[in-house]
Amino acid sequence: MIQSAESAERIRQLLDRNLQEVFGESDDARRRAAIDALWAEDAVLYVPPGVIVGRDAIDKFAGDLRATHPHYVYTPHGAPQVLHNAGRLAWGSGPIGEPPEYTGWDVVIVRDGKIAALYVFLDEASEEFRRATTHPAV
C-alpha cells in the first residue's frame, strides 16, 4: 500500500487558511502573500465559470470575486476532512452575522505541502451558483 506523504494537519491548515486568507482577504498584498505560501506555482483552480491556472491568475480571480462581495465572510461548516493527499471543507458565505447567501465545498489536492488543485463546488440551490454558471467566460 502507498501512503501519502502529505500530513493531514497540513491539508486541514491549507483548507482553512485558503478560505480566509485567499478568498476572504480584501487586502491585495496579504492575499498574494497567502497564495504564494499556500499554492503550488502551477496550481489549478476549478470553479463553475471555468479553469484558472497559476498563482497570478488565481490571485486575479480571488481579488475580482472578493470585490463583488467585499462585506461577506466565509464560515467553515464543520471540520475539514482529509483522505490521503486530498481534503474537503464545507463553507458558507454572506454578510457578517447573517445566514450565508451561498454555500459550497472546497476540495483540494495537495502536493509537496501546497495546494496543487482546488475544486470549488457551489450548492446548486444558491443564486451564486446560477450566476457563476451563466457567465462561463473565465
Protein backbone atom coordinates (compact mmCIF):
# COMPACT_ATOMS: atom_id res chain seq x y z
CA MET A 1 0.00 0.00 0.00
CA ILE A 2 1.21 3.50 -0.85
CA GLN A 3 0.97 6.07 1.93
CA SER A 4 0.51 9.77 1.23
CA ALA A 5 3.46 11.98 2.14
CA GLU A 6 1.06 14.81 2.92
CA SER A 7 0.24 15.49 6.55
CA ALA A 8 -3.44 15.52 7.48
CA GLU A 9 -2.80 18.57 9.66
CA ARG A 10 -1.18 20.46 6.76
CA ILE A 11 -4.13 19.68 4.47
CA ARG A 12 -6.58 20.94 7.11
CA GLN A 13 -4.47 24.07 7.53
CA LEU A 14 -4.43 24.68 3.76
CA LEU A 15 -8.22 24.39 3.55
CA ASP A 16 -8.81 26.76 6.48
CA ARG A 17 -6.18 29.31 5.52
CA ASN A 18 -7.17 29.35 1.84
CA LEU A 19 -10.79 30.06 2.74
CA GLN A 20 -9.89 33.01 4.98
CA GLU A 21 -6.56 34.33 3.70
CA VAL A 22 -7.16 33.97 -0.04
CA PHE A 23 -10.89 34.12 -0.75
CA GLY A 24 -11.82 36.04 2.39
CA GLU A 25 -8.99 38.59 2.14
CA SER A 26 -9.61 42.09 0.77
CA ASP A 27 -6.03 43.35 1.04
CA ASP A 28 -4.24 42.57 -2.25
CA ALA A 29 -0.75 42.22 -0.73
CA ARG A 30 -1.87 39.92 2.09
CA ARG A 31 -3.92 37.80 -0.32
CA ARG A 32 -0.94 37.44 -2.70
CA ALA A 33 1.41 36.51 0.16
CA ALA A 34 -1.06 33.81 1.22
CA ILE A 35 -1.33 32.47 -2.33
CA ASP A 36 2.46 32.24 -2.56
CA ALA A 37 2.61 30.41 0.78
CA LEU A 38 -0.32 28.04 0.19
CA TRP A 39 -0.48 27.32 -3.55
CA ALA A 40 1.94 25.48 -5.87
CA GLU A 41 3.26 27.62 -8.71
CA ASP A 42 1.43 25.52 -11.32
CA ALA A 43 -1.76 25.17 -9.29
CA VAL A 44 -5.14 24.82 -10.95
CA LEU A 45 -8.41 26.26 -9.64
CA TYR A 46 -11.62 24.65 -10.91
CA VAL A 47 -14.66 26.91 -10.41
CA PRO A 48 -18.10 26.94 -12.04
CA PRO A 49 -17.13 29.65 -14.56
CA GLY A 50 -14.01 27.77 -15.75
CA VAL A 51 -10.46 26.61 -15.07
CA ILE A 52 -7.82 29.01 -13.76
CA VAL A 53 -4.14 28.09 -13.92
CA GLY A 54 -1.21 29.56 -11.99
CA ARG A 55 -0.80 31.82 -8.98
CA ASP A 56 -1.19 35.11 -10.90
CA ALA A 57 -4.49 34.05 -12.44
CA ILE A 58 -5.74 32.64 -9.11
CA ASP A 59 -4.84 35.91 -7.41
CA LYS A 60 -6.75 37.93 -10.03
CA PHE A 61 -9.79 35.65 -9.79
CA ALA A 62 -9.84 35.74 -5.96
CA GLY A 63 -9.44 39.55 -5.96
CA ASP A 64 -12.18 40.04 -8.56
CA LEU A 65 -14.50 37.69 -6.64
CA ARG A 66 -13.77 39.47 -3.36
CA ALA A 67 -14.60 42.83 -4.96
CA THR A 68 -18.11 41.56 -5.80
CA HIS A 69 -18.75 40.66 -2.12
CA PRO A 70 -16.47 42.91 -0.04
CA HIS A 71 -18.58 42.67 3.13
CA TYR A 72 -19.04 38.88 3.05
CA VAL A 73 -17.25 36.45 5.33
CA TYR A 74 -16.54 32.78 4.76
CA THR A 75 -17.57 30.45 7.56
CA PRO A 76 -16.50 26.80 7.67
CA HIS A 77 -19.34 24.34 8.24
CA GLY A 78 -17.73 21.60 10.27
CA ALA A 79 -14.16 20.42 10.34
CA PRO A 80 -12.14 19.69 7.19
CA GLN A 81 -11.96 16.04 6.16
CA VAL A 82 -8.75 14.52 4.85
CA LEU A 83 -8.07 11.43 2.75
CA HIS A 84 -4.51 10.68 1.57
CA ASN A 85 -3.38 13.83 -0.30
CA ALA A 86 -6.84 15.39 -0.55
CA GLY A 87 -9.22 17.27 1.71
CA ARG A 88 -12.62 18.88 1.66
CA LEU A 89 -14.30 21.65 3.60
CA ALA A 90 -17.92 22.80 3.54
CA TRP A 91 -18.45 26.55 3.93
CA GLY A 92 -20.97 29.35 3.67
CA SER A 93 -20.58 32.96 2.62
CA GLY A 94 -22.64 36.01 3.45
CA PRO A 95 -22.74 39.24 5.43
CA ILE A 96 -21.34 39.09 8.97
CA GLY A 97 -23.90 37.86 11.49
CA GLU A 98 -26.41 36.72 8.86
CA PRO A 99 -27.18 33.31 7.37
CA PRO A 100 -24.99 32.51 4.36
CA GLU A 101 -26.26 33.67 0.99
CA TYR A 102 -24.45 30.83 -0.70
CA THR A 103 -22.73 27.63 0.34
CA GLY A 104 -20.34 25.16 -1.15
CA TRP A 105 -17.44 22.76 -0.78
CA ASP A 106 -13.74 23.19 -1.38
CA VAL A 107 -11.86 20.05 -2.37
CA VAL A 108 -8.07 20.28 -2.52
CA ILE A 109 -5.37 18.06 -3.90
CA VAL A 110 -2.06 18.70 -2.12
CA ARG A 111 1.43 18.17 -3.49
CA ASP A 112 4.62 18.92 -1.55
CA GLY A 113 2.65 20.68 1.19
CA LYS A 114 0.88 23.13 -1.15
CA ILE A 115 -2.44 23.26 -2.97
CA ALA A 116 -1.92 21.72 -6.41
CA ALA A 117 -5.62 21.81 -7.32
CA LEU A 118 -8.75 23.25 -5.77
CA TYR A 119 -12.23 22.24 -6.91
CA VAL A 120 -14.96 24.64 -5.75
CA PHE A 121 -18.45 23.17 -5.70
CA LEU A 122 -21.23 25.71 -5.18
CA ASP A 123 -24.50 24.35 -3.87
CA GLU A 124 -26.88 24.42 -6.81
CA ALA A 125 -29.76 25.99 -4.88
CA SER A 126 -27.86 29.26 -4.45
CA GLU A 127 -28.10 32.37 -6.60
CA GLU A 128 -24.29 32.42 -6.71
CA PHE A 129 -24.31 29.03 -8.47
CA ARG A 130 -26.78 30.31 -11.07
CA ARG A 131 -24.74 33.49 -11.59
CA ALA A 132 -21.45 31.60 -11.90
CA THR A 133 -22.76 29.02 -14.32
CA THR A 134 -24.43 31.55 -16.63
CA HIS A 135 -21.20 33.54 -17.07
CA PRO A 136 -18.64 30.87 -18.07
CA ALA A 137 -16.16 33.30 -19.63
CA VAL A 138 -13.24 32.80 -17.24
